[in-house]
Amino acid sequence: MYSVIMFLHVLICVLLVIVVLLQQSKGGGMSSVFGGGGGGSDALFGGKGATPFFVKLTTGLAIGFFATSLILVLISRGTTTRSAIEKGLEEMPVQPAIPEEQAPIIPEEPEGGGR
């Protein structure tokens, strides 16, 4: 499930970038490079040109981007993966480093101060 949504998310991201670059800006934008900006786009998209179509397409892709982002966060938040080290530490019994029988005896200082 996660992989399918991730694929859709990447596809929407790529399409969103392409659509934003193809939109006609005040300076002509990338759409003029591909033959847009003049009479060619009027015949294909109707009398108003491609602007309303691209605005609706951008809005739809933006909504899809936010929806897939939210879904991916909610899915990944529910699953926590543990490393092999963490799993091994949970299974390993806790033992003291030095058993008490073999622990070194630390001598105490004499009460007189010795100096």
Protein backbone atom coordinates (compact mmCIF):
# COMPACT_ATOMS: atom_id res chain seq x y z
CA MET A 1 0.00 0.00 0.00
CA TYR A 2 2.80 2.37 0.92
CA SER A 3 4.60 1.71 -2.36
CA VAL A 4 1.49 2.41 -4.45
CA ILE A 5 0.84 5.71 -2.71
CA MET A 6 4.52 6.65 -2.98
CA PHE A 7 4.41 5.95 -6.73
CA LEU A 8 1.30 8.13 -7.10
CA HIS A 9 2.93 10.87 -5.04
CA VAL A 10 6.05 10.94 -7.23
CA LEU A 11 3.92 10.88 -10.39
CA ILE A 12 1.81 13.79 -9.13
CA CYS A 13 4.96 15.73 -8.21
CA VAL A 14 6.44 15.32 -11.69
CA LEU A 15 3.15 16.26 -13.38
CA LEU A 16 2.75 19.27 -11.11
CA VAL A 17 6.20 20.57 -12.04
CA ILE A 18 5.50 20.09 -15.74
CA VAL A 19 2.10 21.80 -15.58
CA VAL A 20 3.48 24.77 -13.63
CA LEU A 21 6.29 25.20 -16.16
CA LEU A 22 3.86 25.01 -19.08
CA GLN A 23 1.57 27.73 -17.73
CA GLN A 24 1.71 31.01 -19.55
CA SER A 25 3.15 33.75 -17.43
CA LYS A 26 3.41 37.47 -18.17
CA GLY A 27 6.65 36.84 -20.05
CA GLY A 28 5.36 33.89 -22.03
CA GLY A 29 6.85 31.13 -19.84
CA MET A 30 7.87 27.70 -21.04
CA SER A 31 4.63 27.35 -23.01
CA SER A 32 6.01 29.66 -25.70
CA VAL A 33 8.95 27.30 -26.20
CA PHE A 34 6.57 24.47 -27.11
CA GLY A 35 4.52 26.54 -29.56
CA GLY A 36 2.06 28.04 -27.10
CA GLY A 37 1.22 31.65 -26.45
CA GLY A 38 -0.29 32.28 -29.89
CA GLY A 39 -3.09 30.90 -31.98
CA GLY A 40 -2.10 27.26 -31.57
CA SER A 41 -3.34 26.95 -28.01
CA ASP A 42 -6.61 28.74 -28.79
CA ALA A 43 -7.66 26.09 -31.29
CA LEU A 44 -6.82 23.20 -28.96
CA PHE A 45 -8.27 24.47 -25.66
CA GLY A 46 -11.08 26.75 -26.89
CA GLY A 47 -11.52 30.50 -27.20
CA LYS A 48 -10.04 31.42 -23.82
CA GLY A 49 -6.82 29.50 -24.44
CA ALA A 50 -5.18 26.99 -22.12
CA THR A 51 -5.24 29.15 -18.99
CA PRO A 52 -8.47 27.83 -17.38
CA PHE A 53 -7.50 24.24 -18.22
CA PHE A 54 -4.04 24.59 -16.67
CA VAL A 55 -5.45 26.37 -13.61
CA LYS A 56 -7.89 23.50 -13.00
CA LEU A 57 -5.21 20.90 -13.67
CA THR A 58 -2.76 22.65 -11.29
CA THR A 59 -5.45 22.86 -8.60
CA GLY A 60 -6.27 19.17 -8.95
CA LEU A 61 -2.64 18.14 -8.86
CA ALA A 62 -1.99 20.34 -5.82
CA ILE A 63 -4.90 18.74 -3.97
CA GLY A 64 -3.56 15.31 -4.95
CA PHE A 65 -0.09 16.28 -3.73
CA PHE A 66 -1.37 17.37 -0.32
CA ALA A 67 -3.60 14.30 0.00
CA THR A 68 -0.84 11.82 -0.84
CA SER A 69 1.59 13.66 1.45
CA LEU A 70 -0.86 13.41 4.33
CA ILE A 71 -1.59 9.75 3.66
CA LEU A 72 2.13 8.90 3.49
CA VAL A 73 2.74 10.64 6.82
CA LEU A 74 -0.13 8.80 8.48
CA ILE A 75 0.98 5.43 7.12
CA SER A 76 4.65 5.87 8.04
CA ARG A 77 3.76 7.17 11.49
CA GLY A 78 2.01 3.93 12.39
CA THR A 79 4.89 1.64 11.51
CA THR A 80 8.11 1.76 13.45
CA THR A 81 11.06 -0.27 12.35
CA ARG A 82 13.71 -1.46 14.73
CA SER A 83 17.28 -2.16 13.81
CA ALA A 84 18.89 -5.55 14.29
CA ILE A 85 20.94 -4.14 17.17
CA GLU A 86 17.81 -3.02 19.03
CA LYS A 87 16.17 -6.43 18.51
CA GLY A 88 19.32 -8.18 19.73
CA LEU A 89 19.56 -6.00 22.83
CA GLU A 90 15.98 -6.81 23.77
CA GLU A 91 16.60 -10.56 23.50
CA MET A 92 19.96 -10.57 25.32
CA PRO A 93 19.78 -11.15 29.09
CA VAL A 94 21.28 -8.43 31.25
CA GLN A 95 24.29 -9.65 33.23
CA PRO A 96 26.66 -7.64 35.37
CA ALA A 97 30.08 -7.06 33.86
CA ILE A 98 31.89 -8.65 36.79
CA PRO A 99 30.17 -11.22 39.03
CA GLU A 100 30.13 -10.24 42.70
CA GLU A 101 32.21 -13.27 43.73
CA GLN A 102 35.08 -12.17 41.50
CA ALA A 103 34.78 -8.44 42.07
CA PRO A 104 38.00 -6.81 43.34
CA ILE A 105 38.10 -5.64 46.93
CA ILE A 106 38.92 -1.99 47.25
CA PRO A 107 40.97 -1.29 50.37
CA GLU A 108 39.78 1.41 52.71
CA GLU A 109 41.97 4.30 53.84
CA PRO A 110 43.34 4.20 57.38
CA GLU A 111 41.57 6.53 59.81
CA GLY A 112 44.68 8.27 61.01
CA GLY A 113 45.38 9.93 57.71
CA GLY A 114 48.84 8.31 57.30
CA ARG A 115 50.61 11.60 56.47
